[in-house]
């Protein structure tokens, strides 16, 4: 007897409770985050949202928004970053996932994001973001109190912003800056 498993779809993902992503036909649950990483993501969202409102360009999103992409070479078909900024078409049905990748994706590290396997997973996810068309990925590190900014045009060499500096996300969010000190207060 042969047992076959049906590939999960974006429709299946839309019915999942909690945060998850669709990768290689499987729904992959994402761990909830702790107090500090969530507060950092909230501060980034607030600043991005203020920028979007002031410029009339793009939309900022909080944790758990779904971006439908791919399938990519890794098999990934969705993203759900901790915070993000999107310049693109909105879905015809406003209850659905956004079509395409975030313009800026923000990943805030949680307490379990610091070992060798977590580093490899974060690097692989950045590859997926850039393959999908994301312009900039922020790797926000509460332990090191820094923001590593990866860009699609040079995806392996980040700009690192630390205390006393303002991190930016060009060319994804032109002219927007955020004080690193304000993130980690």
Protein backbone atom coordinates (compact mmCIF):
# COMPACT_ATOMS: atom_id res chain seq x y z
CA UNK A 1 0.00 0.00 0.00
CA UNK A 2 1.34 3.43 -0.96
CA UNK A 3 0.53 6.42 1.18
CA UNK A 4 0.59 9.77 -0.60
CA UNK A 5 0.51 13.13 1.07
CA UNK A 6 -1.20 16.07 -0.58
CA UNK A 7 0.90 19.22 -0.98
CA UNK A 8 -0.38 22.08 1.14
CA UNK A 9 -1.52 25.22 -0.70
CA UNK A 10 -1.78 28.90 0.11
CA UNK A 11 -5.47 28.28 0.80
CA UNK A 12 -4.48 25.68 3.41
CA UNK A 13 -2.00 28.15 4.90
CA UNK A 14 -4.70 30.81 5.15
CA UNK A 15 -6.69 28.49 7.44
CA UNK A 16 -3.83 27.81 9.87
CA UNK A 17 -4.09 29.36 13.30
CA UNK A 18 -0.92 31.15 14.31
CA UNK A 19 2.09 32.16 12.30
CA UNK A 20 3.36 29.78 9.62
CA UNK A 21 4.94 29.74 6.16
CA UNK A 22 4.44 27.46 3.15
CA UNK A 23 7.70 25.76 2.16
CA UNK A 24 8.01 22.87 -0.31
CA UNK A 25 4.33 22.01 -0.01
CA UNK A 26 4.40 21.84 3.79
CA UNK A 27 3.02 24.27 6.32
CA UNK A 28 5.87 25.19 8.65
CA UNK A 29 4.71 26.68 11.98
CA UNK A 30 6.83 29.55 13.29
CA UNK A 31 7.56 29.90 16.97
CA UNK A 32 5.99 32.79 18.83
CA UNK A 33 8.46 35.42 19.92
CA UNK A 34 9.23 36.90 23.31
CA UNK A 35 8.57 40.33 24.78
CA UNK A 36 11.67 42.19 23.61
CA UNK A 37 11.85 40.93 20.01
CA UNK A 38 8.15 41.72 19.60
CA UNK A 39 8.55 45.25 21.00
CA UNK A 40 11.47 45.85 18.63
CA UNK A 41 9.38 44.69 15.66
CA UNK A 42 6.55 46.96 16.82
CA UNK A 43 8.87 49.98 16.93
CA UNK A 44 10.06 49.24 13.40
CA UNK A 45 6.48 48.85 12.16
CA UNK A 46 5.40 52.15 13.76
CA UNK A 47 8.24 54.03 12.11
CA UNK A 48 7.61 52.40 8.71
CA UNK A 49 3.89 53.12 9.01
CA UNK A 50 4.59 56.79 9.80
CA UNK A 51 6.86 56.93 6.74
CA UNK A 52 4.23 55.34 4.49
CA UNK A 53 1.55 57.74 5.73
CA UNK A 54 3.81 60.78 5.32
CA UNK A 55 5.01 59.89 1.82
CA UNK A 56 1.83 58.27 0.51
CA UNK A 57 4.02 55.45 -0.81
CA UNK A 58 3.87 51.81 0.24
CA UNK A 59 2.31 50.10 3.23
CA UNK A 60 3.87 48.92 6.49
CA UNK A 61 2.81 45.59 7.99
CA UNK A 62 3.08 43.98 11.39
CA UNK A 63 4.03 40.45 12.26
CA UNK A 64 1.93 37.67 10.68
CA UNK A 65 1.11 39.25 7.32
CA UNK A 66 1.30 36.67 4.55
CA UNK A 67 3.19 37.26 1.30
CA UNK A 68 2.45 34.77 -1.50
CA UNK A 69 5.48 34.07 -3.70
CA UNK A 70 7.08 31.41 -5.82
CA UNK A 71 7.42 28.60 -5.66
CA UNK A 72 11.09 29.45 -5.23
CA UNK A 73 14.07 27.13 -5.81
CA UNK A 74 13.88 26.12 -2.12
CA UNK A 75 10.19 25.27 -2.51
CA UNK A 76 9.09 28.26 -0.45
CA UNK A 77 5.76 29.82 -1.42
CA UNK A 78 5.22 32.36 1.34
CA UNK A 79 6.84 34.70 3.83
CA UNK A 80 5.65 36.10 7.13
CA UNK A 81 8.31 38.55 8.39
CA UNK A 82 8.28 40.19 11.82
CA UNK A 83 7.70 43.60 10.20
CA UNK A 84 7.71 44.65 6.57
CA UNK A 85 7.14 47.34 3.99
CA UNK A 86 5.42 46.66 0.67
CA UNK A 87 5.18 48.61 -2.55
CA UNK A 88 3.09 46.57 -4.90
CA UNK A 89 -0.42 45.67 -5.94
CA UNK A 90 -2.90 44.87 -3.23
CA UNK A 91 -4.90 41.65 -3.54
CA UNK A 92 -8.29 41.92 -5.24
CA UNK A 93 -9.77 40.33 -2.12
CA UNK A 94 -8.37 42.42 0.77
CA UNK A 95 -8.70 39.43 3.11
CA UNK A 96 -6.02 37.50 1.18
CA UNK A 97 -2.22 37.38 1.30
CA UNK A 98 -0.23 40.05 -0.52
CA UNK A 99 0.86 39.02 -4.02
CA UNK A 100 4.63 39.02 -4.27
CA UNK A 101 7.46 39.64 -1.82
CA UNK A 102 7.91 42.42 0.72
CA UNK A 103 10.01 45.32 -0.53
CA UNK A 104 11.70 45.39 2.91
CA UNK A 105 11.58 42.34 5.17
CA UNK A 106 12.49 42.64 8.85
CA UNK A 107 13.49 39.55 10.82
CA UNK A 108 14.01 40.16 14.55
CA UNK A 109 15.99 37.41 16.25
CA UNK A 110 14.39 35.52 19.10
CA UNK A 111 16.27 33.73 21.87
CA UNK A 112 16.67 30.53 19.81
CA UNK A 113 18.10 32.29 16.73
CA UNK A 114 21.75 32.21 17.77
CA UNK A 115 23.17 28.76 17.08
CA UNK A 116 24.78 27.43 13.90
CA UNK A 117 21.57 25.91 12.51
CA UNK A 118 19.63 29.12 13.15
CA UNK A 119 22.33 31.14 11.33
CA UNK A 120 22.05 28.77 8.36
CA UNK A 121 18.24 29.05 8.37
CA UNK A 122 18.39 32.85 8.47
CA UNK A 123 20.90 32.91 5.58
CA UNK A 124 18.72 30.52 3.54
CA UNK A 125 15.66 32.67 4.16
CA UNK A 126 17.55 35.75 2.94
CA UNK A 127 18.40 33.87 -0.25
CA UNK A 128 14.68 33.14 -0.67
CA UNK A 129 13.73 36.77 -0.03
CA UNK A 130 16.15 38.00 -2.68
CA UNK A 131 15.15 35.33 -5.19
CA UNK A 132 11.51 36.41 -4.73
CA UNK A 133 12.43 40.06 -5.39
CA UNK A 134 12.79 41.63 -1.93
CA UNK A 135 15.19 44.57 -2.14
CA UNK A 136 16.39 44.77 1.48
CA UNK A 137 16.35 42.40 4.48
CA UNK A 138 17.01 43.57 8.02
CA UNK A 139 18.47 41.06 10.48
CA UNK A 140 17.79 42.73 13.82
CA UNK A 141 19.91 41.31 16.64
CA UNK A 142 18.76 42.26 20.17
CA UNK A 143 21.71 40.48 21.83
CA UNK A 144 24.40 42.27 19.77
CA UNK A 145 22.19 45.40 19.71
CA UNK A 146 22.68 45.91 16.00
CA UNK A 147 20.87 45.88 12.68
CA UNK A 148 22.46 44.02 9.79
CA UNK A 149 21.13 45.34 6.48
CA UNK A 150 21.38 42.98 3.52
CA UNK A 151 20.67 44.25 0.02
CA UNK A 152 19.67 42.29 -3.06
CA UNK A 153 22.53 43.80 -5.08
CA UNK A 154 25.12 42.51 -2.53
CA UNK A 155 23.32 39.80 -0.54
CA UNK A 156 26.24 38.44 1.47
CA UNK A 157 27.85 41.65 2.71
CA UNK A 158 25.64 43.49 5.20
CA UNK A 159 25.90 47.04 6.40
CA UNK A 160 25.91 46.90 10.20
CA UNK A 161 24.30 49.69 12.21
CA UNK A 162 24.99 50.01 15.96
CA UNK A 163 24.28 52.29 18.93
CA UNK A 164 24.52 55.97 18.09
CA UNK A 165 23.71 55.36 14.42
CA UNK A 166 20.60 55.48 12.26
CA UNK A 167 19.82 52.37 10.26
CA UNK A 168 18.36 52.78 6.79
CA UNK A 169 16.78 50.53 4.19
CA UNK A 170 17.65 52.06 0.84
CA UNK A 171 16.71 51.45 -1.90
CA UNK A 172 13.61 49.69 -0.54
CA UNK A 173 12.45 52.61 1.63
CA UNK A 174 14.11 55.75 0.24
CA UNK A 175 14.97 58.38 2.84
CA UNK A 176 13.64 56.40 5.82
CA UNK A 177 15.94 56.06 8.83
CA UNK A 178 15.52 54.68 12.32
CA UNK A 179 17.73 55.24 15.35
CA UNK A 180 19.32 52.00 16.50
CA UNK A 181 19.19 53.31 20.08
CA UNK A 182 15.40 53.66 19.83
CA UNK A 183 15.06 49.98 18.95
CA UNK A 184 16.92 48.64 21.95
CA UNK A 185 15.83 51.00 24.71
